[in-house]
Amino acid sequence: MTNSVAPLMAEETRVNIAYVLDQVLILLSDGRWHTEEEISKMIHLSLQETGAILTFLLRFAFIQKDEEGNRAKISPLTEEYWHRL
């Protein structure tokens, strides 16, 4: 792989990750609890990929998980911001 191709691939990867993050937040924007399996099926990702995305969103407080850690939903602050868009 030449150096001229690497930046293009990196940009494409960033765009794909941003798209997936958007899709998860759109799904969770209904304010209801969703299981990882449900999210995985709806956005066509593996459970491992979905888990990584949810971990990222949880780390930065975009989402919250239930007490058992089995379900996720959009956080109140993110929901408030989301409706302003």
PDB file of N, CA and C in Angstrom:
ATOM      1  N   MET A   1       0.840  -1.172   0.000  1.00  0.00           N
ATOM      2  CA  MET A   1       0.000   0.000   0.000  1.00  0.00           C
ATOM      3  C   MET A   1       0.890   1.241   0.000  1.00  0.00           C
ATOM      4  N   THR A   2       0.595   2.173  -0.879  1.00  0.00           N
ATOM      5  CA  THR A   2       1.392   3.387  -0.950  1.00  0.00           C
ATOM      6  C   THR A   2       0.886   4.403   0.052  1.00  0.00           C
ATOM      7  N   ASN A   3       1.728   5.375   0.344  1.00  0.00           N
ATOM      8  CA  ASN A   3       1.345   6.423   1.295  1.00  0.00           C
ATOM      9  C   ASN A   3       0.171   7.253   0.807  1.00  0.00           C
ATOM     10  N   SER A   4      -0.001   7.393  -0.502  1.00  0.00           N
ATOM     11  CA  SER A   4      -1.098   8.211  -1.017  1.00  0.00           C
ATOM     12  C   SER A   4      -2.460   7.565  -0.786  1.00  0.00           C
ATOM     13  N   VAL A   5      -2.516   6.250  -0.592  1.00  0.00           N
ATOM     14  CA  VAL A   5      -3.776   5.556  -0.366  1.00  0.00           C
ATOM     15  C   VAL A   5      -4.147   5.554   1.114  1.00  0.00           C
ATOM     16  N   ALA A   6      -3.177   5.485   1.988  1.00  0.00           N
ATOM     17  CA  ALA A   6      -3.442   5.386   3.426  1.00  0.00           C
ATOM     18  C   ALA A   6      -4.321   6.514   3.968  1.00  0.00           C
ATOM     19  N   PRO A   7      -4.065   7.794   3.638  1.00  0.00           N
ATOM     20  CA  PRO A   7      -4.943   8.847   4.169  1.00  0.00           C
ATOM     21  C   PRO A   7      -6.394   8.700   3.695  1.00  0.00           C
ATOM     22  N   LEU A   8      -6.590   8.241   2.461  1.00  0.00           N
ATOM     23  CA  LEU A   8      -7.933   8.049   1.943  1.00  0.00           C
ATOM     24  C   LEU A   8      -8.652   6.970   2.738  1.00  0.00           C
ATOM     25  N   MET A   9      -7.979   5.885   3.024  1.00  0.00           N
ATOM     26  CA  MET A   9      -8.592   4.808   3.796  1.00  0.00           C
ATOM     27  C   MET A   9      -8.895   5.267   5.218  1.00  0.00           C
ATOM     28  N   ALA A  10      -8.019   6.044   5.795  1.00  0.00           N
ATOM     29  CA  ALA A  10      -8.254   6.545   7.146  1.00  0.00           C
ATOM     30  C   ALA A  10      -9.494   7.441   7.154  1.00  0.00           C
ATOM     31  N   GLU A  11      -9.646   8.289   6.164  1.00  0.00           N
ATOM     32  CA  GLU A  11     -10.806   9.171   6.076  1.00  0.00           C
ATOM     33  C   GLU A  11     -12.082   8.354   5.894  1.00  0.00           C
ATOM     34  N   GLU A  12     -12.036   7.340   5.059  1.00  0.00           N
ATOM     35  CA  GLU A  12     -13.200   6.486   4.838  1.00  0.00           C
ATOM     36  C   GLU A  12     -13.600   5.785   6.135  1.00  0.00           C
ATOM     37  N   THR A  13     -12.634   5.337   6.897  1.00  0.00           N
ATOM     38  CA  THR A  13     -12.910   4.684   8.172  1.00  0.00           C
ATOM     39  C   THR A  13     -13.562   5.653   9.146  1.00  0.00           C
ATOM     40  N   ARG A  14     -13.057   6.885   9.199  1.00  0.00           N
ATOM     41  CA  ARG A  14     -13.656   7.894  10.087  1.00  0.00           C
ATOM     42  C   ARG A  14     -15.101   8.164   9.701  1.00  0.00           C
ATOM     43  N   VAL A  15     -15.364   8.249   8.411  1.00  0.00           N
ATOM     44  CA  VAL A  15     -16.727   8.494   7.934  1.00  0.00           C
ATOM     45  C   VAL A  15     -17.624   7.326   8.317  1.00  0.00           C
ATOM     46  N   ASN A  16     -17.147   6.098   8.156  1.00  0.00           N
ATOM     47  CA  ASN A  16     -17.942   4.922   8.504  1.00  0.00           C
ATOM     48  C   ASN A  16     -18.248   4.882   9.994  1.00  0.00           C
ATOM     49  N   ILE A  17     -17.273   5.184  10.820  1.00  0.00           N
ATOM     50  CA  ILE A  17     -17.490   5.180  12.269  1.00  0.00           C
ATOM     51  C   ILE A  17     -18.488   6.260  12.655  1.00  0.00           C
ATOM     52  N   ALA A  18     -18.361   7.441  12.083  1.00  0.00           N
ATOM     53  CA  ALA A  18     -19.304   8.525  12.361  1.00  0.00           C
ATOM     54  C   ALA A  18     -20.713   8.124  11.946  1.00  0.00           C
ATOM     55  N   TYR A  19     -20.833   7.462  10.811  1.00  0.00           N
ATOM     56  CA  TYR A  19     -22.147   7.005  10.333  1.00  0.00           C
ATOM     57  C   TYR A  19     -22.754   6.002  11.317  1.00  0.00           C
ATOM     58  N   VAL A  20     -21.960   5.052  11.780  1.00  0.00           N
ATOM     59  CA  VAL A  20     -22.450   4.044  12.717  1.00  0.00           C
ATOM     60  C   VAL A  20     -22.856   4.694  14.038  1.00  0.00           C
ATOM     61  N   LEU A  21     -22.054   5.616  14.539  1.00  0.00           N
ATOM     62  CA  LEU A  21     -22.418   6.334  15.771  1.00  0.00           C
ATOM     63  C   LEU A  21     -23.750   7.054  15.601  1.00  0.00           C
ATOM     64  N   ASP A  22     -23.916   7.722  14.466  1.00  0.00           N
ATOM     65  CA  ASP A  22     -25.183   8.403  14.177  1.00  0.00           C
ATOM     66  C   ASP A  22     -26.350   7.423  14.164  1.00  0.00           C
ATOM     67  N   GLN A  23     -26.162   6.274  13.517  1.00  0.00           N
ATOM     68  CA  GLN A  23     -27.229   5.290  13.425  1.00  0.00           C
ATOM     69  C   GLN A  23     -27.635   4.772  14.803  1.00  0.00           C
ATOM     70  N   VAL A  24     -26.673   4.536  15.662  1.00  0.00           N
ATOM     71  CA  VAL A  24     -26.986   4.073  17.016  1.00  0.00           C
ATOM     72  C   VAL A  24     -27.745   5.159  17.777  1.00  0.00           C
ATOM     73  N   LEU A  25     -27.289   6.386  17.688  1.00  0.00           N
ATOM     74  CA  LEU A  25     -27.977   7.476  18.395  1.00  0.00           C
ATOM     75  C   LEU A  25     -29.373   7.711  17.839  1.00  0.00           C
ATOM     76  N   ILE A  26     -29.545   7.577  16.540  1.00  0.00           N
ATOM     77  CA  ILE A  26     -30.882   7.705  15.950  1.00  0.00           C
ATOM     78  C   ILE A  26     -31.792   6.614  16.505  1.00  0.00           C
ATOM     79  N   LEU A  27     -31.298   5.390  16.548  1.00  0.00           N
ATOM     80  CA  LEU A  27     -32.080   4.281  17.090  1.00  0.00           C
ATOM     81  C   LEU A  27     -32.455   4.531  18.544  1.00  0.00           C
ATOM     82  N   LEU A  28     -31.510   5.022  19.326  1.00  0.00           N
ATOM     83  CA  LEU A  28     -31.752   5.229  20.760  1.00  0.00           C
ATOM     84  C   LEU A  28     -32.511   6.518  21.054  1.00  0.00           C
ATOM     85  N   SER A  29     -32.686   7.363  20.051  1.00  0.00           N
ATOM     86  CA  SER A  29     -33.331   8.663  20.280  1.00  0.00           C
ATOM     87  C   SER A  29     -34.813   8.541  20.627  1.00  0.00           C
ATOM     88  N   ASP A  30     -35.387   7.342  20.537  1.00  0.00           N
ATOM     89  CA  ASP A  30     -36.788   7.165  20.941  1.00  0.00           C
ATOM     90  C   ASP A  30     -36.951   7.162  22.454  1.00  0.00           C
ATOM     91  N   GLY A  31     -35.819   7.160  23.190  1.00  0.00           N
ATOM     92  CA  GLY A  31     -35.868   7.234  24.644  1.00  0.00           C
ATOM     93  C   GLY A  31     -36.185   5.920  25.332  1.00  0.00           C
ATOM     94  N   ARG A  32     -36.367   4.835  24.570  1.00  0.00           N
ATOM     95  CA  ARG A  32     -36.674   3.533  25.157  1.00  0.00           C
ATOM     96  C   ARG A  32     -35.399   2.730  25.371  1.00  0.00           C
ATOM     97  N   TRP A  33     -35.490   1.716  26.221  1.00  0.00           N
ATOM     98  CA  TRP A  33     -34.376   0.805  26.450  1.00  0.00           C
ATOM     99  C   TRP A  33     -34.274  -0.170  25.280  1.00  0.00           C
ATOM    100  N   HIS A  34     -33.044  -0.446  24.843  1.00  0.00           N
ATOM    101  CA  HIS A  34     -32.787  -1.387  23.756  1.00  0.00           C
ATOM    102  C   HIS A  34     -31.658  -2.326  24.173  1.00  0.00           C
ATOM    103  N   THR A  35     -31.818  -3.618  23.879  1.00  0.00           N
ATOM    104  CA  THR A  35     -30.763  -4.575  24.172  1.00  0.00           C
ATOM    105  C   THR A  35     -29.657  -4.453  23.124  1.00  0.00           C
ATOM    106  N   GLU A  36     -28.471  -4.941  23.471  1.00  0.00           N
ATOM    107  CA  GLU A  36     -27.370  -4.934  22.507  1.00  0.00           C
ATOM    108  C   GLU A  36     -27.724  -5.768  21.285  1.00  0.00           C
ATOM    109  N   GLU A  37     -28.422  -6.870  21.500  1.00  0.00           N
ATOM    110  CA  GLU A  37     -28.820  -7.728  20.387  1.00  0.00           C
ATOM    111  C   GLU A  37     -29.742  -6.983  19.426  1.00  0.00           C
ATOM    112  N   GLU A  38     -30.705  -6.248  19.978  1.00  0.00           N
ATOM    113  CA  GLU A  38     -31.631  -5.468  19.151  1.00  0.00           C
ATOM    114  C   GLU A  38     -30.878  -4.408  18.352  1.00  0.00           C
ATOM    115  N   ILE A  39     -29.984  -3.695  19.020  1.00  0.00           N
ATOM    116  CA  ILE A  39     -29.203  -2.657  18.347  1.00  0.00           C
ATOM    117  C   ILE A  39     -28.349  -3.284  17.250  1.00  0.00           C
ATOM    118  N   SER A  40     -27.730  -4.379  17.564  1.00  0.00           N
ATOM    119  CA  SER A  40     -26.873  -5.081  16.608  1.00  0.00           C
ATOM    120  C   SER A  40     -27.644  -5.459  15.345  1.00  0.00           C
ATOM    121  N   LYS A  41     -28.819  -6.011  15.518  1.00  0.00           N
ATOM    122  CA  LYS A  41     -29.645  -6.404  14.369  1.00  0.00           C
ATOM    123  C   LYS A  41     -30.120  -5.198  13.564  1.00  0.00           C
ATOM    124  N   MET A  42     -30.509  -4.148  14.249  1.00  0.00           N
ATOM    125  CA  MET A  42     -31.063  -2.972  13.570  1.00  0.00           C
ATOM    126  C   MET A  42     -30.027  -2.230  12.743  1.00  0.00           C
ATOM    127  N   ILE A  43     -28.772  -2.206  13.208  1.00  0.00           N
ATOM    128  CA  ILE A  43     -27.750  -1.460  12.464  1.00  0.00           C
ATOM    129  C   ILE A  43     -26.756  -2.367  11.756  1.00  0.00           C
ATOM    130  N   HIS A  44     -27.053  -3.683  11.783  1.00  0.00           N
ATOM    131  CA  HIS A  44     -26.273  -4.668  11.017  1.00  0.00           C
ATOM    132  C   HIS A  44     -24.798  -4.702  11.405  1.00  0.00           C
ATOM    133  N   LEU A  45     -24.560  -4.803  12.714  1.00  0.00           N
ATOM    134  CA  LEU A  45     -23.201  -4.964  13.237  1.00  0.00           C
ATOM    135  C   LEU A  45     -23.145  -6.235  14.069  1.00  0.00           C
ATOM    136  N   SER A  46     -21.941  -6.752  14.249  1.00  0.00           N
ATOM    137  CA  SER A  46     -21.771  -7.891  15.143  1.00  0.00           C
ATOM    138  C   SER A  46     -21.987  -7.427  16.586  1.00  0.00           C
ATOM    139  N   LEU A  47     -22.228  -8.378  17.469  1.00  0.00           N
ATOM    140  CA  LEU A  47     -22.378  -8.019  18.886  1.00  0.00           C
ATOM    141  C   LEU A  47     -21.111  -7.385  19.433  1.00  0.00           C
ATOM    142  N   GLN A  48     -19.951  -7.852  18.971  1.00  0.00           N
ATOM    143  CA  GLN A  48     -18.683  -7.285  19.423  1.00  0.00           C
ATOM    144  C   GLN A  48     -18.557  -5.827  18.966  1.00  0.00           C
ATOM    145  N   GLU A  49     -18.895  -5.544  17.728  1.00  0.00           N
ATOM    146  CA  GLU A  49     -18.829  -4.165  17.220  1.00  0.00           C
ATOM    147  C   GLU A  49     -19.834  -3.272  17.944  1.00  0.00           C
ATOM    148  N   THR A  50     -21.026  -3.800  18.146  1.00  0.00           N
ATOM    149  CA  THR A  50     -22.055  -3.032  18.854  1.00  0.00           C
ATOM    150  C   THR A  50     -21.603  -2.734  20.277  1.00  0.00           C
ATOM    151  N   GLY A  51     -21.027  -3.720  20.943  1.00  0.00           N
ATOM    152  CA  GLY A  51     -20.520  -3.513  22.295  1.00  0.00           C
ATOM    153  C   GLY A  51     -19.458  -2.432  22.349  1.00  0.00           C
ATOM    154  N   ALA A  52     -18.568  -2.411  21.360  1.00  0.00           N
ATOM    155  CA  ALA A  52     -17.516  -1.384  21.316  1.00  0.00           C
ATOM    156  C   ALA A  52     -18.116   0.006  21.115  1.00  0.00           C
ATOM    157  N   ILE A  53     -19.099   0.109  20.233  1.00  0.00           N
ATOM    158  CA  ILE A  53     -19.764   1.398  19.991  1.00  0.00           C
ATOM    159  C   ILE A  53     -20.476   1.864  21.257  1.00  0.00           C
ATOM    160  N   LEU A  54     -21.192   0.964  21.915  1.00  0.00           N
ATOM    161  CA  LEU A  54     -21.914   1.340  23.137  1.00  0.00           C
ATOM    162  C   LEU A  54     -20.960   1.719  24.259  1.00  0.00           C
ATOM    163  N   THR A  55     -19.841   1.030  24.356  1.00  0.00           N
ATOM    164  CA  THR A  55     -18.837   1.380  25.363  1.00  0.00           C
ATOM    165  C   THR A  55     -18.331   2.794  25.138  1.00  0.00           C
ATOM    166  N   PHE A  56     -18.055   3.147  23.888  1.00  0.00           N
ATOM    167  CA  PHE A  56     -17.609   4.501  23.559  1.00  0.00           C
ATOM    168  C   PHE A  56     -18.679   5.526  23.938  1.00  0.00           C
ATOM    169  N   LEU A  57     -19.915   5.281  23.516  1.00  0.00           N
ATOM    170  CA  LEU A  57     -21.000   6.232  23.798  1.00  0.00           C
ATOM    171  C   LEU A  57     -21.251   6.361  25.302  1.00  0.00           C
ATOM    172  N   LEU A  58     -21.130   5.267  26.034  1.00  0.00           N
ATOM    173  CA  LEU A  58     -21.304   5.304  27.485  1.00  0.00           C
ATOM    174  C   LEU A  58     -20.170   6.063  28.157  1.00  0.00           C
ATOM    175  N   ARG A  59     -18.955   5.837  27.694  1.00  0.00           N
ATOM    176  CA  ARG A  59     -17.787   6.511  28.283  1.00  0.00           C
ATOM    177  C   ARG A  59     -17.916   8.021  28.216  1.00  0.00           C
ATOM    178  N   PHE A  60     -18.506   8.523  27.139  1.00  0.00           N
ATOM    179  CA  PHE A  60     -18.651   9.964  26.969  1.00  0.00           C
ATOM    180  C   PHE A  60     -20.064  10.454  27.276  1.00  0.00           C
ATOM    181  N   ALA A  61     -20.835   9.635  27.993  1.00  0.00           N
ATOM    182  CA  ALA A  61     -22.156   9.976  28.537  1.00  0.00           C
ATOM    183  C   ALA A  61     -23.204  10.314  27.477  1.00  0.00           C
ATOM    184  N   PHE A  62     -23.054   9.770  26.277  1.00  0.00           N
ATOM    185  CA  PHE A  62     -24.090   9.945  25.256  1.00  0.00           C
ATOM    186  C   PHE A  62     -25.273   9.024  25.522  1.00  0.00           C
ATOM    187  N   ILE A  63     -24.996   7.902  26.182  1.00  0.00           N
ATOM    188  CA  ILE A  63     -26.033   6.929  26.501  1.00  0.00           C
ATOM    189  C   ILE A  63     -25.910   6.532  27.960  1.00  0.00           C
ATOM    190  N   GLN A  64     -26.900   5.779  28.426  1.00  0.00           N
ATOM    191  CA  GLN A  64     -26.839   5.176  29.747  1.00  0.00           C
ATOM    192  C   GLN A  64     -27.259   3.727  29.614  1.00  0.00           C
ATOM    193  N   LYS A  65     -26.836   2.903  30.555  1.00  0.00           N
ATOM    194  CA  LYS A  65     -27.222   1.492  30.580  1.00  0.00           C
ATOM    195  C   LYS A  65     -28.049   1.231  31.825  1.00  0.00           C
ATOM    196  N   ASP A  66     -28.901   0.207  31.747  1.00  0.00           N
ATOM    197  CA  ASP A  66     -29.703  -0.153  32.911  1.00  0.00           C
ATOM    198  C   ASP A  66     -28.806  -0.760  33.991  1.00  0.00           C
ATOM    199  N   GLU A  67     -29.382  -1.022  35.160  1.00  0.00           N
ATOM    200  CA  GLU A  67     -28.592  -1.510  36.299  1.00  0.00           C
ATOM    201  C   GLU A  67     -27.873  -2.811  36.005  1.00  0.00           C
ATOM    202  N   GLU A  68     -28.473  -3.659  35.207  1.00  0.00           N
ATOM    203  CA  GLU A  68     -27.856  -4.943  34.865  1.00  0.00           C
ATOM    204  C   GLU A  68     -26.828  -4.791  33.740  1.00  0.00           C
ATOM    205  N   GLY A  69     -26.842  -3.667  33.054  1.00  0.00           N
ATOM    206  CA  GLY A  69     -25.919  -3.439  31.945  1.00  0.00           C
ATOM    207  C   GLY A  69     -26.313  -4.155  30.667  1.00  0.00           C
ATOM    208  N   ASN A  70     -27.567  -4.591  30.594  1.00  0.00           N
ATOM    209  CA  ASN A  70     -28.030  -5.341  29.433  1.00  0.00           C
ATOM    210  C   ASN A  70     -28.709  -4.485  28.373  1.00  0.00           C
ATOM    211  N   ARG A  71     -29.196  -3.327  28.768  1.00  0.00           N
ATOM    212  CA  ARG A  71     -29.930  -2.473  27.840  1.00  0.00           C
ATOM    213  C   ARG A  71     -29.357  -1.057  27.869  1.00  0.00           C
ATOM    214  N   ALA A  72     -29.542  -0.359  26.756  1.00  0.00           N
ATOM    215  CA  ALA A  72     -29.031   1.013  26.647  1.00  0.00           C
ATOM    216  C   ALA A  72     -30.133   1.928  26.133  1.00  0.00           C
ATOM    217  N   LYS A  73     -30.015   3.195  26.495  1.00  0.00           N
ATOM    218  CA  LYS A  73     -30.876   4.228  25.933  1.00  0.00           C
ATOM    219  C   LYS A  73     -30.113   5.533  25.936  1.00  0.00           C
ATOM    220  N   ILE A  74     -30.622   6.489  25.215  1.00  0.00           N
ATOM    221  CA  ILE A  74     -29.963   7.791  25.101  1.00  0.00           C
ATOM    222  C   ILE A  74     -29.994   8.473  26.477  1.00  0.00           C
ATOM    223  N   SER A  75     -28.937   9.176  26.815  1.00  0.00           N
ATOM    224  CA  SER A  75     -28.896   9.864  28.110  1.00  0.00           C
ATOM    225  C   SER A  75     -29.794  11.099  28.068  1.00  0.00           C
ATOM    226  N   PRO A  76     -30.285  11.551  29.212  1.00  0.00           N
ATOM    227  CA  PRO A  76     -31.157  12.731  29.229  1.00  0.00           C
ATOM    228  C   PRO A  76     -30.509  13.966  28.586  1.00  0.00           C
ATOM    229  N   LEU A  77     -29.230  14.203  28.862  1.00  0.00           N
ATOM    230  CA  LEU A  77     -28.555  15.366  28.285  1.00  0.00           C
ATOM    231  C   LEU A  77     -28.441  15.242  26.765  1.00  0.00           C
ATOM    232  N   THR A  78     -28.096  14.057  26.284  1.00  0.00           N
ATOM    233  CA  THR A  78     -27.996  13.842  24.842  1.00  0.00           C
ATOM    234  C   THR A  78     -29.364  13.975  24.197  1.00  0.00           C
ATOM    235  N   GLU A  79     -30.388  13.454  24.857  1.00  0.00           N
ATOM    236  CA  GLU A  79     -31.747  13.560  24.324  1.00  0.00           C
ATOM    237  C   GLU A  79     -32.177  15.021  24.211  1.00  0.00           C
ATOM    238  N   GLU A  80     -31.860  15.806  25.234  1.00  0.00           N
ATOM    239  CA  GLU A  80     -32.197  17.234  25.201  1.00  0.00           C
ATOM    240  C   GLU A  80     -31.496  17.928  24.036  1.00  0.00           C
ATOM    241  N   TYR A  81     -30.221  17.641  23.873  1.00  0.00           N
ATOM    242  CA  TYR A  81     -29.460  18.222  22.770  1.00  0.00           C
ATOM    243  C   TYR A  81     -29.990  17.738  21.421  1.00  0.00           C
ATOM    244  N   TRP A  82     -30.306  16.444  21.337  1.00  0.00           N
ATOM    245  CA  TRP A  82     -30.772  15.830  20.099  1.00  0.00           C
ATOM    246  C   TRP A  82     -32.031  16.533  19.582  1.00  0.00           C
ATOM    247  N   HIS A  83     -32.936  16.865  20.470  1.00  0.00           N
ATOM    248  CA  HIS A  83     -34.192  17.488  20.066  1.00  0.00           C
ATOM    249  C   HIS A  83     -34.015  18.948  19.663  1.00  0.00           C
ATOM    250  N   ARG A  84     -32.890  19.528  19.990  1.00  0.00           N
ATOM    251  CA  ARG A  84     -32.602  20.903  19.574  1.00  0.00           C
ATOM    252  C   ARG A  84     -32.045  20.961  18.152  1.00  0.00           C
ATOM    253  N   LEU A  85     -31.577  19.819  17.638  1.00  0.00           N
ATOM    254  CA  LEU A  85     -30.986  19.805  16.302  1.00  0.00           C
ATOM    255  C   LEU A  85     -31.979  20.037  15.215  1.00  0.00           C
TER     256      LEU A  85
END
